[in-house]
Protein backbone atom coordinates (compact mmCIF):
# COMPACT_ATOMS: atom_id res chain seq x y z
CA MET A 1 35.75 34.90 -28.14
CA THR A 2 32.35 35.03 -29.87
CA TYR A 3 30.33 38.05 -30.84
CA PHE A 4 26.90 38.13 -29.13
CA TYR A 5 23.81 40.26 -29.56
CA TYR A 6 21.69 40.97 -26.48
CA LYS A 7 18.50 42.82 -25.63
CA ALA A 8 17.75 43.77 -22.03
CA ILE A 9 15.15 45.76 -20.13
CA ASN A 10 15.63 48.23 -17.33
CA PRO A 11 13.29 46.88 -14.57
CA GLU A 12 12.66 50.36 -13.20
CA THR A 13 12.07 52.38 -16.37
CA LYS A 14 10.99 49.40 -18.58
CA VAL A 15 13.22 50.81 -21.35
CA GLU A 16 14.63 48.17 -23.70
CA ILE A 17 18.35 48.30 -24.51
CA SER A 18 20.20 46.27 -27.15
CA ASP A 19 23.89 45.97 -28.02
CA ASN A 20 26.59 43.62 -29.33
CA ILE A 21 29.54 42.47 -27.21
CA GLU A 22 32.26 39.83 -27.26
CA ALA A 23 32.09 37.09 -24.66
CA ASP A 24 32.98 33.44 -24.04
CA SER A 25 29.38 32.22 -23.75
CA PRO A 26 25.74 33.37 -23.54
CA ARG A 27 25.92 32.87 -19.77
CA ALA A 28 28.80 35.33 -19.54
CA VAL A 29 26.74 37.86 -21.51
CA ARG A 30 23.77 37.46 -19.15
CA GLU A 31 26.01 37.92 -16.11
CA HIS A 32 27.49 41.06 -17.68
CA VAL A 33 24.02 42.46 -18.44
CA ARG A 34 22.77 41.75 -14.89
CA SER A 35 25.87 43.50 -13.49
CA LEU A 36 24.65 46.63 -15.31
CA GLY A 37 21.35 46.45 -13.43
CA LEU A 38 19.45 45.22 -16.47
CA LEU A 39 17.29 42.15 -17.06
CA PRO A 40 18.42 40.13 -20.11
CA ILE A 41 15.61 39.18 -22.50
CA ILE A 42 17.50 38.00 -25.60
CA VAL A 43 21.04 36.66 -25.81
CA ARG A 44 22.30 34.93 -28.91
CA GLU A 45 25.28 34.70 -31.19
CA ALA A 46 25.40 37.42 -33.86
CA SER A 47 27.52 37.51 -36.98
CA THR A 48 27.16 41.23 -37.65
CA VAL A 49 26.57 44.38 -35.67
CA ASN A 50 23.34 45.07 -37.56
CA GLN A 51 21.76 41.71 -36.85
CA HIS A 52 19.87 43.07 -33.84
CA THR A 53 17.55 44.98 -36.19
CA ASP A 54 16.33 41.73 -37.70
CA GLU A 55 16.04 40.23 -34.22
CA GLN A 56 13.79 43.05 -33.11
CA LYS A 57 11.49 42.51 -36.07
CA ASN A 58 11.31 38.76 -35.50
CA ASN A 59 10.79 39.10 -31.79
CA SER A 60 7.91 41.54 -32.26
CA LYS A 61 5.89 38.87 -34.07
CA THR A 62 3.17 37.32 -31.96
CA TYR A 63 0.91 34.34 -32.50
CA ASP A 64 -2.79 34.27 -31.70
CA ILE A 65 -3.50 30.59 -31.00
CA LYS A 66 -6.65 30.19 -28.93
CA PHE A 67 -6.05 28.33 -25.65
CA ASN A 68 -8.92 27.67 -23.26
CA ILE A 69 -8.31 27.34 -19.54
CA ASN A 70 -7.90 23.54 -19.75
CA ASP A 71 -5.27 23.88 -22.48
CA LYS A 72 -3.28 26.28 -20.30
CA ILE A 73 -3.49 24.00 -17.27
CA TYR A 74 -2.38 21.00 -19.36
CA PHE A 75 0.60 22.86 -20.85
CA PHE A 76 1.97 24.20 -17.57
CA SER A 77 1.12 21.03 -15.61
CA GLN A 78 3.15 18.95 -18.04
CA LEU A 79 6.06 21.37 -17.80
CA HIS A 80 5.88 21.29 -14.00
CA VAL A 81 5.80 17.47 -13.80
CA MET A 82 8.74 17.09 -16.18
CA PHE A 83 10.78 19.75 -14.41
CA SER A 84 10.15 17.94 -11.13
CA ALA A 85 11.31 14.69 -12.76
CA GLY A 86 14.63 16.32 -13.64
CA LEU A 87 14.14 16.75 -17.40
CA THR A 88 15.67 19.72 -19.18
CA LEU A 89 13.46 22.45 -20.60
CA THR A 90 13.97 21.36 -24.21
CA ASP A 91 13.31 17.68 -23.40
CA SER A 92 10.17 18.66 -21.49
CA LEU A 93 8.84 20.67 -24.43
CA LYS A 94 9.71 17.83 -26.82
CA ASN A 95 7.73 15.34 -24.71
CA ILE A 96 4.77 17.72 -24.54
CA ALA A 97 4.79 18.08 -28.32
CA GLN A 98 4.90 14.29 -28.78
CA HIS A 99 2.02 13.51 -26.41
CA ALA A 100 -0.13 16.66 -26.67
CA PRO A 101 -3.85 15.82 -27.12
CA LYS A 102 -4.39 18.87 -29.35
CA ALA A 103 -2.54 20.09 -32.42
CA LYS A 104 -2.36 23.68 -31.16
CA ILE A 105 -0.60 22.62 -27.93
CA LYS A 106 1.83 20.55 -29.99
CA LYS A 107 2.55 23.53 -32.26
CA VAL A 108 3.26 25.87 -29.34
CA ALA A 109 5.56 23.34 -27.64
CA GLU A 110 7.47 22.61 -30.86
CA THR A 111 7.92 26.31 -31.66
CA ILE A 112 9.21 27.16 -28.19
CA GLU A 113 11.56 24.16 -28.22
CA THR A 114 12.96 25.17 -31.62
CA ASP A 115 13.51 28.75 -30.47
CA ILE A 116 15.36 27.63 -27.35
CA ARG A 117 17.60 25.28 -29.35
CA ASP A 118 18.37 28.24 -31.63
CA GLY A 119 19.67 30.18 -28.64
CA LYS A 120 16.67 32.11 -27.39
CA THR A 121 15.73 32.25 -23.75
CA PHE A 122 12.56 30.56 -22.50
CA THR A 123 10.96 33.95 -21.78
CA GLU A 124 11.77 35.26 -25.25
CA SER A 125 10.34 32.11 -26.83
CA ILE A 126 7.12 31.99 -24.84
CA LYS A 127 6.47 35.74 -24.93
CA LYS A 128 5.12 35.54 -28.51
CA TYR A 129 2.25 33.41 -27.15
CA THR A 130 1.05 36.02 -24.64
CA GLN A 131 -2.43 36.07 -26.21
CA SER A 132 -2.62 32.28 -25.89
CA LEU A 133 -1.18 31.70 -22.42
CA GLY A 134 -2.12 35.00 -20.77
CA GLU A 135 -0.22 38.00 -19.44
CA THR A 136 -0.14 36.64 -15.89
CA ALA A 137 1.57 33.37 -16.87
CA ILE A 138 4.07 35.16 -19.13
CA GLY A 139 4.89 37.65 -16.36
CA LEU A 140 5.49 34.82 -13.90
CA CYS A 141 7.73 33.01 -16.41
CA LEU A 142 9.79 36.16 -16.96
CA THR A 143 10.42 36.55 -13.25
CA ALA A 144 11.04 32.84 -12.72
CA GLU A 145 13.71 32.62 -15.40
CA ALA A 146 15.45 35.70 -14.07
CA ALA A 147 15.36 34.24 -10.55
CA GLY A 148 16.21 30.67 -11.64
CA GLN A 149 12.99 29.27 -10.13
CA LEU A 150 11.04 28.00 -13.12
CA ASP A 151 10.05 24.77 -11.37
CA ASP A 152 8.50 26.51 -8.35
CA VAL A 153 6.76 29.14 -10.45
CA MET A 154 5.13 26.53 -12.71
CA GLY A 155 3.31 25.26 -9.62
CA LYS A 156 2.12 28.79 -8.83
CA ILE A 157 0.89 29.29 -12.40
CA ILE A 158 -1.09 26.05 -12.18
CA THR A 159 -2.63 27.15 -8.88
CA ILE A 160 -3.70 30.48 -10.38
CA LEU A 161 -5.14 28.82 -13.49
CA LYS A 162 -7.08 26.25 -11.43
CA LYS A 163 -8.48 29.06 -9.30
CA GLU A 164 -9.55 30.84 -12.49
CA LYS A 165 -11.15 27.63 -13.77
CA LEU A 166 -13.02 27.18 -10.49
CA VAL A 167 -14.41 30.71 -10.70
CA GLN A 168 -15.49 30.12 -14.31
CA SER A 169 -17.10 26.83 -13.34
CA LYS A 170 -19.06 28.42 -10.49
CA LEU A 171 -20.23 31.23 -12.74
CA SER A 172 -21.31 28.79 -15.46
CA THR A 173 -23.20 26.56 -13.03
CA MET A 174 -24.87 29.51 -11.35
CA MET A 175 -26.00 30.99 -14.65
CA ILE A 176 -27.73 27.86 -16.01
CA TYR A 177 -31.06 28.42 -14.21
CA PRO A 178 -31.27 32.20 -14.86
CA ILE A 179 -30.42 31.70 -18.55
CA LEU A 180 -33.12 29.05 -18.90
CA MET A 181 -35.64 31.38 -17.25
CA MET A 182 -34.66 34.24 -19.55
CA LEU A 183 -35.01 31.97 -22.60
CA LEU A 184 -38.45 30.97 -21.37
CA CYS A 185 -39.44 34.62 -21.06
CA ILE A 186 -38.22 35.31 -24.60
CA VAL A 187 -40.19 32.32 -25.94
CA LEU A 188 -43.32 33.53 -24.13
CA PHE A 189 -42.77 37.03 -25.50
CA PHE A 190 -42.64 35.90 -29.13
CA THR A 191 -45.42 33.32 -28.63
CA CYS A 192 -47.65 36.05 -27.33
CA GLY A 193 -46.72 38.50 -30.12
CA LEU A 194 -46.77 36.06 -33.06
CA PHE A 195 -49.61 33.70 -32.11
CA ILE A 196 -51.78 34.65 -29.12
CA ILE A 197 -52.41 38.33 -29.90
CA PRO A 198 -53.00 37.80 -33.68
CA SER A 199 -55.40 34.93 -32.88
CA MET A 200 -57.37 37.08 -30.45
CA MET A 201 -57.42 39.96 -32.96
CA LYS A 202 -58.82 37.67 -35.63
CA ALA A 203 -61.36 36.02 -33.33
CA PHE A 204 -62.78 39.31 -32.04
CA SER A 205 -62.21 41.45 -35.17
CA ILE A 206 -59.79 43.78 -33.42
CA LYS A 207 -57.92 46.29 -35.54
CA GLU A 208 -54.22 46.92 -35.05
CA GLU A 209 -54.76 50.58 -34.17
CA ASP A 210 -57.11 49.52 -31.37
CA LEU A 211 -54.28 47.76 -29.52
CA THR A 212 -52.86 49.76 -26.61
CA GLY A 213 -50.07 49.58 -24.05
CA SER A 214 -48.01 46.42 -23.75
CA LEU A 215 -50.21 44.58 -26.27
CA LYS A 216 -49.24 46.99 -29.07
CA PHE A 217 -45.56 46.99 -28.04
CA ILE A 218 -45.34 43.20 -28.05
CA PHE A 219 -47.26 42.85 -31.31
CA ASP A 220 -45.22 45.52 -33.17
CA THR A 221 -41.87 44.21 -31.88
CA CYS A 222 -42.56 40.60 -32.82
CA ARG A 223 -43.94 41.51 -36.24
CA TYR A 224 -40.87 43.64 -36.99
CA CYS A 225 -38.54 40.80 -35.97
CA ALA A 226 -40.50 38.34 -38.13
CA ASP A 227 -40.41 40.63 -41.17
CA HIS A 228 -36.70 41.51 -40.87
CA TRP A 229 -35.16 38.45 -39.22
CA ILE A 230 -32.40 38.06 -41.81
CA ALA A 231 -31.31 41.68 -41.45
CA LEU A 232 -31.42 41.36 -37.66
CA ILE A 233 -29.19 38.26 -37.67
CA VAL A 234 -26.72 39.91 -40.03
CA GLY A 235 -26.76 43.06 -37.93
CA ILE A 236 -26.12 41.15 -34.71
CA CYS A 237 -23.20 39.31 -36.34
CA ILE A 238 -21.70 42.59 -37.57
CA VAL A 239 -22.06 44.17 -34.13
CA LEU A 240 -20.38 41.17 -32.47
CA ILE A 241 -17.47 41.32 -34.94
CA ILE A 242 -17.06 45.06 -34.34
CA ILE A 243 -17.13 44.54 -30.56
CA LYS A 244 -14.54 41.76 -30.86
CA HIS A 245 -12.15 44.05 -32.75
CA LEU A 246 -12.82 47.01 -30.46
CA LEU A 247 -11.95 44.93 -27.39
CA LYS A 248 -8.50 44.32 -28.88
CA MET A 249 -7.77 48.06 -29.04
CA PRO A 250 -5.60 49.27 -26.11
CA CYS A 251 -7.64 52.44 -25.59
CA ILE A 252 -10.91 50.48 -25.39
CA LYS A 253 -9.40 47.90 -23.06
CA LYS A 254 -8.10 50.68 -20.82
CA PHE A 255 -11.54 52.32 -20.74
CA ILE A 256 -13.17 49.00 -19.80
CA ASP A 257 -10.54 48.35 -17.12
CA TYR A 258 -11.20 51.74 -15.53
CA THR A 259 -14.98 51.33 -15.80
CA VAL A 260 -15.16 47.92 -14.11
CA MET A 261 -12.92 49.18 -11.31
CA SER A 262 -15.54 51.83 -10.52
CA ILE A 263 -18.11 49.12 -9.70
CA PRO A 264 -17.63 48.12 -6.01
CA ILE A 265 -18.28 44.38 -6.21
CA LEU A 266 -16.29 44.01 -9.44
CA ASN A 267 -13.54 46.24 -8.07
CA GLU A 268 -12.86 43.88 -5.19
CA GLY A 269 -12.91 40.73 -7.30
CA ILE A 270 -10.72 42.07 -10.10
CA ARG A 271 -8.28 43.60 -7.62
CA TYR A 272 -7.77 40.27 -5.83
CA LEU A 273 -7.49 38.24 -9.03
CA ASN A 274 -4.72 40.59 -10.20
CA LEU A 275 -2.92 41.01 -6.88
CA SER A 276 -2.55 37.28 -6.20
CA PRO A 277 -0.01 36.72 -9.02
CA PHE A 278 1.41 40.21 -8.40
CA PHE A 279 2.54 39.38 -4.86
CA ALA A 280 3.67 35.90 -5.92
CA VAL A 281 6.00 37.43 -8.52
CA LEU A 282 7.01 40.19 -6.09
CA GLY A 283 8.14 37.61 -3.53
CA LEU A 284 10.11 35.60 -6.09
CA ALA A 285 11.86 38.65 -7.53
CA TYR A 286 12.70 40.05 -4.10
CA ASP A 287 14.09 36.71 -2.87
CA ALA A 288 16.18 36.52 -6.07
CA GLY A 289 18.03 39.64 -4.96
CA LEU A 290 16.31 42.35 -7.01
CA THR A 291 15.63 45.73 -5.44
CA ILE A 292 12.08 46.57 -4.36
CA PRO A 293 11.46 48.97 -7.31
CA SER A 294 12.79 46.38 -9.77
CA SER A 295 10.72 43.64 -8.15
CA ILE A 296 7.54 45.71 -8.34
CA SER A 297 8.22 46.57 -12.00
CA MET A 298 8.58 42.89 -12.86
CA ALA A 299 5.52 41.94 -10.79
CA GLY A 300 3.52 44.62 -12.59
CA ILE A 301 3.80 42.61 -15.80
CA SER A 302 1.52 39.97 -14.28
CA ILE A 303 -1.27 42.54 -13.72
CA SER A 304 -3.80 42.52 -16.56
CA ASN A 305 -5.93 45.48 -15.39
CA ALA A 306 -4.62 48.80 -16.77
CA LYS A 307 -5.66 50.87 -13.74
CA LEU A 308 -4.00 48.54 -11.24
CA ARG A 309 -0.88 48.35 -13.41
CA GLU A 310 -0.61 52.15 -13.42
CA LYS A 311 -1.00 52.17 -9.64
CA ALA A 312 1.84 49.64 -9.37
CA GLN A 313 4.08 51.87 -11.50
CA LYS A 314 3.24 54.87 -9.27
CA VAL A 315 4.26 52.76 -6.27
CA VAL A 316 7.63 52.18 -7.97
CA ASP A 317 8.08 55.93 -8.47
CA LEU A 318 7.24 56.67 -4.83
CA VAL A 319 9.69 54.02 -3.56
CA VAL A 320 12.44 55.32 -5.85
CA ASN A 321 11.84 58.79 -4.37
CA GLY A 322 12.52 57.44 -0.90
CA LYS A 323 9.17 56.36 0.52
CA LEU A 324 8.64 53.05 2.28
CA LEU A 325 6.82 50.37 0.31
CA SER A 326 3.98 50.23 2.85
CA VAL A 327 3.50 54.01 2.62
CA ALA A 328 3.51 53.91 -1.20
CA LEU A 329 0.97 51.06 -1.26
CA ALA A 330 -1.29 52.95 1.15
CA GLU A 331 -1.11 56.19 -0.86
CA GLN A 332 -2.08 54.40 -4.08
CA ASN A 333 -4.70 52.25 -2.31
CA LEU A 334 -3.32 49.22 -4.11
CA VAL A 335 -3.95 46.79 -1.22
CA SER A 336 -6.30 46.68 1.75
CA PRO A 337 -5.09 47.93 5.17
CA THR A 338 -5.03 44.31 6.38
CA PHE A 339 -2.54 43.23 3.74
CA ASN A 340 -0.57 46.47 4.04
CA ALA A 341 -0.12 45.68 7.73
CA LEU A 342 1.70 42.51 6.68
CA VAL A 343 3.99 44.61 4.47
CA VAL A 344 4.72 46.85 7.46
CA ALA A 345 5.54 43.76 9.53
CA GLY A 346 7.88 42.54 6.77
CA GLU A 347 9.67 45.89 6.65
CA GLN A 348 10.14 45.87 10.39
CA SER A 349 11.32 42.24 10.56
CA GLY A 350 13.45 42.40 7.42
CA ASP A 351 11.59 39.43 5.90
CA LEU A 352 9.55 41.06 3.13
CA GLY A 353 9.83 38.06 0.82
CA LYS A 354 8.00 35.83 3.28
CA MET A 355 5.29 38.44 3.80
CA PHE A 356 4.76 38.82 0.04
CA LYS A 357 4.10 35.08 -0.23
CA GLU A 358 1.82 35.24 2.82
CA ILE A 359 -0.23 38.01 1.22
CA SER A 360 -0.51 36.04 -2.02
CA ASP A 361 -1.79 32.97 -0.15
CA ASN A 362 -4.31 35.03 1.86
CA ILE A 363 -5.62 36.67 -1.32
CA ASP A 364 -6.12 33.22 -2.88
CA GLN A 365 -8.30 32.26 0.09
CA SER A 366 -10.27 35.52 -0.14
CA ILE A 367 -11.09 34.97 -3.81
CA ASP A 368 -13.60 32.24 -2.89
CA ASP A 369 -15.59 34.66 -0.70
CA ILE A 370 -15.52 37.35 -3.36
CA THR A 371 -16.69 34.87 -5.99
CA ALA A 372 -19.66 33.91 -3.81
CA LYS A 373 -20.60 37.60 -3.43
CA LEU A 374 -20.28 38.17 -7.17
CA LEU A 375 -22.54 35.20 -7.89
CA GLU A 376 -25.19 36.60 -5.56
CA VAL A 377 -25.07 39.94 -7.37
CA ILE A 378 -25.43 38.20 -10.74
CA LYS A 379 -28.37 36.20 -9.41
CA ILE A 380 -30.15 39.37 -8.22
CA ALA A 381 -29.48 41.12 -11.56
CA VAL A 382 -30.93 38.20 -13.54
CA ILE A 383 -34.00 38.05 -11.28
CA LEU A 384 -34.60 41.76 -11.92
CA ILE A 385 -34.38 41.19 -15.68
CA ILE A 386 -36.84 38.31 -15.45
CA GLY A 387 -39.12 40.52 -13.35
CA ILE A 388 -39.15 43.15 -16.12
CA PHE A 389 -40.21 40.49 -18.63
CA VAL A 390 -42.98 39.32 -16.32
CA LEU A 391 -44.24 42.87 -15.77
CA LEU A 392 -44.36 43.33 -19.53
CA LEU A 393 -45.97 40.00 -20.41
CA ALA A 394 -48.45 39.62 -17.56
CA PRO A 395 -50.64 42.65 -18.44
CA ALA A 396 -50.60 41.66 -22.11
CA LEU A 397 -51.75 38.12 -21.34
CA MET A 398 -54.44 39.41 -18.97
CA ASN A 399 -55.68 41.88 -21.59
CA SER A 400 -55.79 39.11 -24.18
CA ALA A 401 -57.85 36.94 -21.85
CA ASN A 402 -60.27 39.80 -21.06
CA MET A 403 -60.83 40.92 -24.66
CA PRO A 404 -64.36 39.46 -24.87
CA ALA A 405 -65.35 41.16 -21.64
CA LEU A 406 -64.05 44.49 -22.95
CA GLY A 407 -66.36 44.29 -25.92
CA PHE A 408 -63.82 43.43 -28.59
């Protein structure tokens, strides 16, 4: 028999456990770990009892390779097609690495393939690329490997990513006209402050202290920007860098997550975008034979919003204490009454797995309506901003035109 090192996670408490045991194969170790009610994360041959310390250090290393939405869709689409064609996981990753259109996709595929050939699980190998592939995709992969349904889940990941791409595309298209209008307002603002007002002051011998209201504000602002443009550019760059680093801090991210959830229109959109993969994972885990608390804990990994993730954990605690899932969801206000009614129907019929998938599909359809509402709100907000510019510029331009009549 061979000596193996394993790391597992308790689905209910999310506590990681590691140990070394003797077994005939890695598969036997995984079966033993699952019999203990744990979810195996790492299983590999170990030569010494202390090797797991090195494994923990290596496994904690993550890689920040920037993937855009198209890169993610390409990666998972290729995996899905090759799985459907009957290729093994390692062969699929090898083919992706050979034909990848970008070097970063090739690097990710090669690294994951190497890790798997060295004895790591797919989840352990891909987890280090959470920042590249996204928490939702990694959470789905974790559940899929545990349930033995990687092929089916790849299709779900692709659907979620394409939905995300569609939302981004709609937002980008919708914002083109407002952005152009705002740029036009900015150009008019600086044209007025740097050229029109100084020309009128020179033509009519107007002193700077004689300027009042919006004329003085525009003139002073534009002159300051012209005199200190280098410092302003440097300052803006520094602020953007600081913001970028702040957004990576867990406490800041949590604050932002809670703040956006307090805005009604954003609340609805973010809730649905998070709950779609949540119920997809929940259905897979439940159909794989996991208990409801364990299934919810695993599904919670796919939620990116901190507030919703905490609500999901509270649902687990309530269910463990004996409450029905539908009651726990209602108390935490995690889903709408309409979707909770489907959970009640699943509890009564004994077919919760089917209802979880039904909820996920219905949420996907609702995302389109929410996106349309969000775009309307953005349009109104941009129009208001443009209106403020117009209210500021119009009086200044009128005053400039009437300077001769005012005796200047």
